[in-house]
Amino acid sequence: MTEKKYTWHKVADYVSELAFGDNQIAVVELKGKKICLGRYREALFAFAYKCPHAGGIMADGYIDALGQVVCPLHRYKFSMANGRNTSGEGYYLKHWPVEIRGDAVYVGQEESGFWNLFGA
């Protein structure tokens, strides 16, 4: 299996400038599109702005005690680490790797692959 290659995009100069709400979710832009950054136990995770089920705004949801992001509309739960639906409905939440370099926050996008054909 070949290793994935990423193009890294800076989404914040400092972690401290991210506007995390009480729900520990912030909204940033990645190539002109809104995405969410979730913070759980000091780790950062990047995931889609909208739920794949009914388009609920994930930033209006919350992160539960197990570190899963919960959609505000129907309470579907997703792993922030791998995008898998953990509440059993079978959906997949788009997600991206996050790196902290110095003080800056970067989100990686795969350099090749089917989804890049559509600007995802």
N, C-alpha and C. Protein backbone atom coordinates (compact mmCIF):
# COMPACT_ATOMS: atom_id res chain seq x y z
N MET A 1 0.84 -1.18 0.00
CA MET A 1 0.00 0.00 0.00
C MET A 1 0.88 1.24 0.00
N THR A 2 0.58 2.19 -0.88
CA THR A 2 1.39 3.40 -0.95
C THR A 2 0.98 4.39 0.13
N GLU A 3 1.95 5.13 0.58
CA GLU A 3 1.70 6.13 1.61
C GLU A 3 0.99 7.33 0.99
N LYS A 4 0.02 7.88 1.70
CA LYS A 4 -0.72 9.03 1.20
C LYS A 4 0.18 10.25 1.24
N LYS A 5 0.05 11.09 0.21
CA LYS A 5 0.79 12.35 0.16
C LYS A 5 -0.21 13.48 0.31
N TYR A 6 0.18 14.48 1.09
CA TYR A 6 -0.72 15.58 1.39
C TYR A 6 -0.12 16.90 0.96
N THR A 7 -0.99 17.82 0.58
CA THR A 7 -0.67 19.22 0.44
C THR A 7 -1.19 19.87 1.71
N TRP A 8 -0.32 20.60 2.40
CA TRP A 8 -0.69 21.16 3.70
C TRP A 8 -1.06 22.63 3.55
N HIS A 9 -2.16 23.02 4.19
CA HIS A 9 -2.68 24.38 4.11
C HIS A 9 -2.76 24.96 5.52
N LYS A 10 -2.17 26.16 5.68
CA LYS A 10 -2.24 26.81 6.99
C LYS A 10 -3.65 27.37 7.18
N VAL A 11 -4.30 27.01 8.29
CA VAL A 11 -5.65 27.51 8.59
C VAL A 11 -5.65 28.48 9.76
N ALA A 12 -4.53 28.57 10.49
CA ALA A 12 -4.42 29.52 11.60
C ALA A 12 -2.95 29.73 11.92
N ASP A 13 -2.60 30.97 12.23
CA ASP A 13 -1.21 31.27 12.61
C ASP A 13 -0.90 30.75 14.02
N TYR A 14 -1.92 30.71 14.86
CA TYR A 14 -1.76 30.27 16.25
C TYR A 14 -2.99 29.46 16.66
N VAL A 15 -2.79 28.42 17.44
CA VAL A 15 -3.93 27.66 17.98
C VAL A 15 -4.82 28.58 18.79
N SER A 16 -4.21 29.52 19.51
CA SER A 16 -4.97 30.41 20.39
C SER A 16 -5.92 31.33 19.64
N GLU A 17 -5.72 31.53 18.34
CA GLU A 17 -6.62 32.41 17.58
C GLU A 17 -7.88 31.68 17.09
N LEU A 18 -7.91 30.36 17.23
CA LEU A 18 -9.08 29.60 16.81
C LEU A 18 -10.23 29.86 17.78
N ALA A 19 -11.41 30.11 17.24
CA ALA A 19 -12.57 30.47 18.05
C ALA A 19 -13.34 29.21 18.47
N PHE A 20 -12.75 28.45 19.40
CA PHE A 20 -13.43 27.27 19.91
C PHE A 20 -14.56 27.72 20.84
N GLY A 21 -15.75 27.21 20.58
CA GLY A 21 -16.87 27.51 21.46
C GLY A 21 -16.83 26.58 22.66
N ASP A 22 -17.87 26.66 23.48
CA ASP A 22 -17.98 25.77 24.63
C ASP A 22 -18.00 24.31 24.19
N ASN A 23 -18.42 24.07 22.94
CA ASN A 23 -18.50 22.71 22.42
C ASN A 23 -17.15 22.21 21.87
N GLN A 24 -16.12 23.03 21.95
CA GLN A 24 -14.76 22.69 21.50
C GLN A 24 -14.67 22.48 20.00
N ILE A 25 -15.51 23.17 19.23
CA ILE A 25 -15.49 23.11 17.77
C ILE A 25 -15.32 24.53 17.23
N ALA A 26 -14.38 24.69 16.30
CA ALA A 26 -14.14 25.97 15.63
C ALA A 26 -14.37 25.78 14.13
N VAL A 27 -14.67 26.86 13.44
CA VAL A 27 -14.85 26.83 11.99
C VAL A 27 -13.69 27.60 11.36
N VAL A 28 -13.05 26.98 10.35
CA VAL A 28 -11.97 27.61 9.61
C VAL A 28 -12.24 27.42 8.12
N GLU A 29 -11.42 28.05 7.28
CA GLU A 29 -11.55 27.86 5.84
C GLU A 29 -10.38 27.05 5.31
N LEU A 30 -10.70 26.11 4.44
CA LEU A 30 -9.71 25.30 3.74
C LEU A 30 -9.98 25.48 2.25
N LYS A 31 -9.10 26.18 1.57
CA LYS A 31 -9.25 26.46 0.14
C LYS A 31 -10.62 27.05 -0.18
N GLY A 32 -11.06 28.01 0.63
CA GLY A 32 -12.29 28.72 0.39
C GLY A 32 -13.56 28.03 0.86
N LYS A 33 -13.44 26.86 1.49
CA LYS A 33 -14.60 26.14 2.00
C LYS A 33 -14.51 26.03 3.51
N LYS A 34 -15.67 26.10 4.17
CA LYS A 34 -15.71 25.97 5.62
C LYS A 34 -15.51 24.51 6.02
N ILE A 35 -14.67 24.31 7.03
CA ILE A 35 -14.52 23.02 7.67
C ILE A 35 -14.51 23.25 9.18
N CYS A 36 -14.61 22.19 9.93
CA CYS A 36 -14.58 22.29 11.39
C CYS A 36 -13.26 21.75 11.94
N LEU A 37 -12.82 22.35 13.02
CA LEU A 37 -11.71 21.81 13.81
C LEU A 37 -12.29 21.48 15.18
N GLY A 38 -12.11 20.26 15.60
CA GLY A 38 -12.56 19.84 16.92
C GLY A 38 -11.37 19.62 17.83
N ARG A 39 -11.53 19.99 19.09
CA ARG A 39 -10.46 19.81 20.06
C ARG A 39 -10.94 18.83 21.12
N TYR A 40 -10.15 17.77 21.31
CA TYR A 40 -10.46 16.78 22.33
C TYR A 40 -9.16 16.35 22.98
N ARG A 41 -9.09 16.52 24.29
CA ARG A 41 -7.88 16.18 25.05
C ARG A 41 -6.63 16.79 24.42
N GLU A 42 -6.72 18.05 24.05
CA GLU A 42 -5.63 18.84 23.48
C GLU A 42 -5.20 18.41 22.07
N ALA A 43 -5.84 17.42 21.48
CA ALA A 43 -5.58 17.04 20.08
C ALA A 43 -6.58 17.76 19.19
N LEU A 44 -6.16 18.08 17.97
CA LEU A 44 -7.03 18.75 17.00
C LEU A 44 -7.39 17.79 15.88
N PHE A 45 -8.63 17.89 15.41
CA PHE A 45 -9.15 17.05 14.34
C PHE A 45 -9.90 17.95 13.35
N ALA A 46 -9.73 17.70 12.07
CA ALA A 46 -10.45 18.46 11.04
C ALA A 46 -11.51 17.56 10.41
N PHE A 47 -12.71 18.12 10.25
CA PHE A 47 -13.80 17.33 9.66
C PHE A 47 -14.78 18.26 8.95
N ALA A 48 -15.68 17.66 8.17
CA ALA A 48 -16.61 18.40 7.33
C ALA A 48 -17.50 19.34 8.14
N TYR A 49 -17.87 20.43 7.50
CA TYR A 49 -18.74 21.44 8.09
C TYR A 49 -20.18 20.95 8.21
N LYS A 50 -20.60 20.11 7.23
CA LYS A 50 -21.98 19.62 7.23
C LYS A 50 -22.03 18.11 7.40
N CYS A 51 -23.04 17.65 8.11
CA CYS A 51 -23.26 16.23 8.32
C CYS A 51 -23.65 15.57 7.00
N PRO A 52 -23.12 14.38 6.70
CA PRO A 52 -23.45 13.71 5.44
C PRO A 52 -24.89 13.18 5.40
N HIS A 53 -25.56 13.12 6.53
CA HIS A 53 -26.93 12.60 6.56
C HIS A 53 -27.94 13.64 6.07
N ALA A 54 -28.06 14.74 6.79
CA ALA A 54 -29.09 15.72 6.45
C ALA A 54 -28.55 17.15 6.39
N GLY A 55 -27.23 17.30 6.33
CA GLY A 55 -26.63 18.62 6.17
C GLY A 55 -26.59 19.48 7.42
N GLY A 56 -26.76 18.88 8.59
CA GLY A 56 -26.66 19.65 9.83
C GLY A 56 -25.28 20.27 9.96
N ILE A 57 -25.23 21.46 10.52
CA ILE A 57 -23.96 22.17 10.71
C ILE A 57 -23.23 21.55 11.90
N MET A 58 -22.13 20.87 11.62
CA MET A 58 -21.41 20.14 12.67
C MET A 58 -20.88 21.07 13.76
N ALA A 59 -20.58 22.32 13.41
CA ALA A 59 -20.09 23.27 14.40
C ALA A 59 -21.16 23.61 15.44
N ASP A 60 -22.43 23.32 15.13
CA ASP A 60 -23.51 23.54 16.09
C ASP A 60 -23.75 22.32 16.97
N GLY A 61 -23.01 21.24 16.71
CA GLY A 61 -23.11 20.02 17.51
C GLY A 61 -22.19 20.11 18.71
N TYR A 62 -21.71 18.96 19.14
CA TYR A 62 -20.81 18.93 20.29
C TYR A 62 -19.92 17.70 20.22
N ILE A 63 -18.90 17.69 21.05
CA ILE A 63 -18.01 16.55 21.17
C ILE A 63 -18.37 15.84 22.47
N ASP A 64 -18.68 14.55 22.37
CA ASP A 64 -19.11 13.82 23.57
C ASP A 64 -17.92 13.37 24.42
N ALA A 65 -18.20 12.69 25.51
CA ALA A 65 -17.16 12.27 26.47
C ALA A 65 -16.17 11.28 25.87
N LEU A 66 -16.54 10.61 24.77
CA LEU A 66 -15.65 9.66 24.12
C LEU A 66 -14.86 10.28 22.97
N GLY A 67 -15.03 11.58 22.74
CA GLY A 67 -14.31 12.27 21.69
C GLY A 67 -14.94 12.13 20.31
N GLN A 68 -16.22 11.85 20.26
CA GLN A 68 -16.94 11.76 18.99
C GLN A 68 -17.69 13.07 18.77
N VAL A 69 -17.74 13.51 17.51
CA VAL A 69 -18.52 14.70 17.20
C VAL A 69 -19.96 14.26 16.93
N VAL A 70 -20.90 15.01 17.49
CA VAL A 70 -22.32 14.66 17.42
C VAL A 70 -23.06 15.73 16.62
N CYS A 71 -23.78 15.31 15.59
CA CYS A 71 -24.56 16.22 14.75
C CYS A 71 -25.72 16.80 15.56
N PRO A 72 -25.99 18.10 15.41
CA PRO A 72 -27.07 18.71 16.19
C PRO A 72 -28.48 18.32 15.72
N LEU A 73 -28.64 17.84 14.49
CA LEU A 73 -29.98 17.55 13.99
C LEU A 73 -30.55 16.23 14.49
N HIS A 74 -29.82 15.15 14.26
CA HIS A 74 -30.35 13.81 14.59
C HIS A 74 -29.47 13.04 15.56
N ARG A 75 -28.43 13.71 16.08
CA ARG A 75 -27.52 13.13 17.08
C ARG A 75 -26.69 11.97 16.54
N TYR A 76 -26.46 11.94 15.22
CA TYR A 76 -25.56 10.94 14.66
C TYR A 76 -24.15 11.25 15.16
N LYS A 77 -23.40 10.22 15.49
CA LYS A 77 -22.06 10.39 16.06
C LYS A 77 -21.01 9.91 15.06
N PHE A 78 -19.87 10.62 15.04
CA PHE A 78 -18.77 10.30 14.13
C PHE A 78 -17.44 10.38 14.86
N SER A 79 -16.53 9.48 14.51
CA SER A 79 -15.16 9.56 14.99
C SER A 79 -14.48 10.74 14.29
N MET A 80 -13.87 11.62 15.06
CA MET A 80 -13.15 12.73 14.44
C MET A 80 -11.84 12.25 13.82
N ALA A 81 -11.32 11.13 14.28
CA ALA A 81 -10.04 10.61 13.80
C ALA A 81 -10.15 9.94 12.43
N ASN A 82 -11.27 9.23 12.19
CA ASN A 82 -11.36 8.49 10.92
C ASN A 82 -12.66 8.71 10.15
N GLY A 83 -13.58 9.51 10.67
CA GLY A 83 -14.82 9.84 9.98
C GLY A 83 -15.92 8.79 10.05
N ARG A 84 -15.63 7.66 10.68
CA ARG A 84 -16.63 6.59 10.74
C ARG A 84 -17.82 6.98 11.61
N ASN A 85 -18.99 6.59 11.16
CA ASN A 85 -20.23 6.80 11.91
C ASN A 85 -20.25 5.78 13.04
N THR A 86 -20.27 6.24 14.28
CA THR A 86 -20.17 5.34 15.43
C THR A 86 -21.52 5.03 16.06
N SER A 87 -22.59 5.67 15.57
CA SER A 87 -23.91 5.40 16.13
C SER A 87 -24.71 4.43 15.27
N GLY A 88 -24.10 3.89 14.20
CA GLY A 88 -24.68 2.78 13.47
C GLY A 88 -25.48 3.08 12.22
N GLU A 89 -25.53 4.32 11.77
CA GLU A 89 -26.36 4.64 10.60
C GLU A 89 -25.65 4.39 9.27
N GLY A 90 -24.32 4.24 9.30
CA GLY A 90 -23.58 3.89 8.09
C GLY A 90 -23.03 5.05 7.27
N TYR A 91 -23.09 6.25 7.78
CA TYR A 91 -22.57 7.40 7.05
C TYR A 91 -21.07 7.58 7.32
N TYR A 92 -20.43 8.43 6.52
CA TYR A 92 -19.01 8.71 6.66
C TYR A 92 -18.82 10.22 6.63
N LEU A 93 -18.13 10.76 7.63
CA LEU A 93 -17.86 12.18 7.72
C LEU A 93 -16.46 12.46 7.17
N LYS A 94 -16.38 13.29 6.14
CA LYS A 94 -15.08 13.65 5.56
C LYS A 94 -14.20 14.24 6.65
N HIS A 95 -12.93 13.85 6.66
CA HIS A 95 -11.99 14.36 7.66
C HIS A 95 -10.62 14.53 7.02
N TRP A 96 -9.76 15.29 7.68
CA TRP A 96 -8.42 15.57 7.18
C TRP A 96 -7.43 15.53 8.34
N PRO A 97 -6.16 15.22 8.06
CA PRO A 97 -5.14 15.25 9.11
C PRO A 97 -4.81 16.70 9.51
N VAL A 98 -4.39 16.87 10.75
CA VAL A 98 -4.02 18.19 11.28
C VAL A 98 -2.61 18.09 11.84
N GLU A 99 -1.82 19.12 11.59
CA GLU A 99 -0.48 19.22 12.18
C GLU A 99 -0.30 20.61 12.78
N ILE A 100 0.40 20.64 13.90
CA ILE A 100 0.82 21.91 14.50
C ILE A 100 2.30 22.04 14.16
N ARG A 101 2.65 23.12 13.48
CA ARG A 101 4.05 23.38 13.11
C ARG A 101 4.44 24.70 13.74
N GLY A 102 5.31 24.62 14.72
CA GLY A 102 5.61 25.81 15.51
C GLY A 102 4.34 26.15 16.26
N ASP A 103 3.77 27.32 15.96
CA ASP A 103 2.50 27.72 16.56
C ASP A 103 1.34 27.59 15.58
N ALA A 104 1.64 27.40 14.29
CA ALA A 104 0.62 27.42 13.24
C ALA A 104 -0.10 26.07 13.11
N VAL A 105 -1.34 26.14 12.64
CA VAL A 105 -2.18 24.97 12.45
C VAL A 105 -2.33 24.72 10.95
N TYR A 106 -2.02 23.48 10.53
CA TYR A 106 -2.12 23.08 9.13
C TYR A 106 -3.08 21.91 8.99
N VAL A 107 -3.82 21.92 7.87
CA VAL A 107 -4.71 20.81 7.54
C VAL A 107 -4.22 20.24 6.21
N GLY A 108 -4.11 18.90 6.16
CA GLY A 108 -3.61 18.23 4.96
C GLY A 108 -4.73 17.77 4.05
N GLN A 109 -4.50 17.92 2.74
CA GLN A 109 -5.44 17.43 1.74
C GLN A 109 -4.68 16.48 0.84
N GLU A 110 -5.27 15.31 0.57
CA GLU A 110 -4.59 14.33 -0.29
C GLU A 110 -4.28 14.94 -1.64
N GLU A 111 -3.08 14.64 -2.14
CA GLU A 111 -2.65 15.20 -3.42
C GLU A 111 -3.32 14.53 -4.60
N SER A 112 -3.70 13.27 -4.45
CA SER A 112 -4.37 12.58 -5.55
C SER A 112 -5.51 11.76 -4.99
N GLY A 113 -6.37 11.36 -5.87
CA GLY A 113 -7.50 10.54 -5.44
C GLY A 113 -8.80 11.01 -6.06
N PHE A 114 -9.76 10.15 -6.02
CA PHE A 114 -11.06 10.39 -6.63
C PHE A 114 -11.72 11.67 -6.14
N TRP A 115 -11.73 11.90 -4.81
CA TRP A 115 -12.46 13.05 -4.27
C TRP A 115 -11.84 14.37 -4.67
N ASN A 116 -10.55 14.42 -4.96
CA ASN A 116 -9.93 15.66 -5.37
C ASN A 116 -10.44 16.12 -6.73
N LEU A 117 -10.99 15.22 -7.53
CA LEU A 117 -11.57 15.61 -8.81
C LEU A 117 -12.75 16.57 -8.61
N PHE A 118 -13.35 16.52 -7.45
CA PHE A 118 -14.53 17.34 -7.16
C PHE A 118 -14.21 18.48 -6.19
N GLY A 119 -12.93 18.71 -5.93
CA GLY A 119 -12.54 19.80 -5.04
C GLY A 119 -12.82 19.54 -3.57
N ALA A 120 -12.99 18.27 -3.20
CA ALA A 120 -13.29 17.96 -1.79
C ALA A 120 -12.05 18.04 -0.94
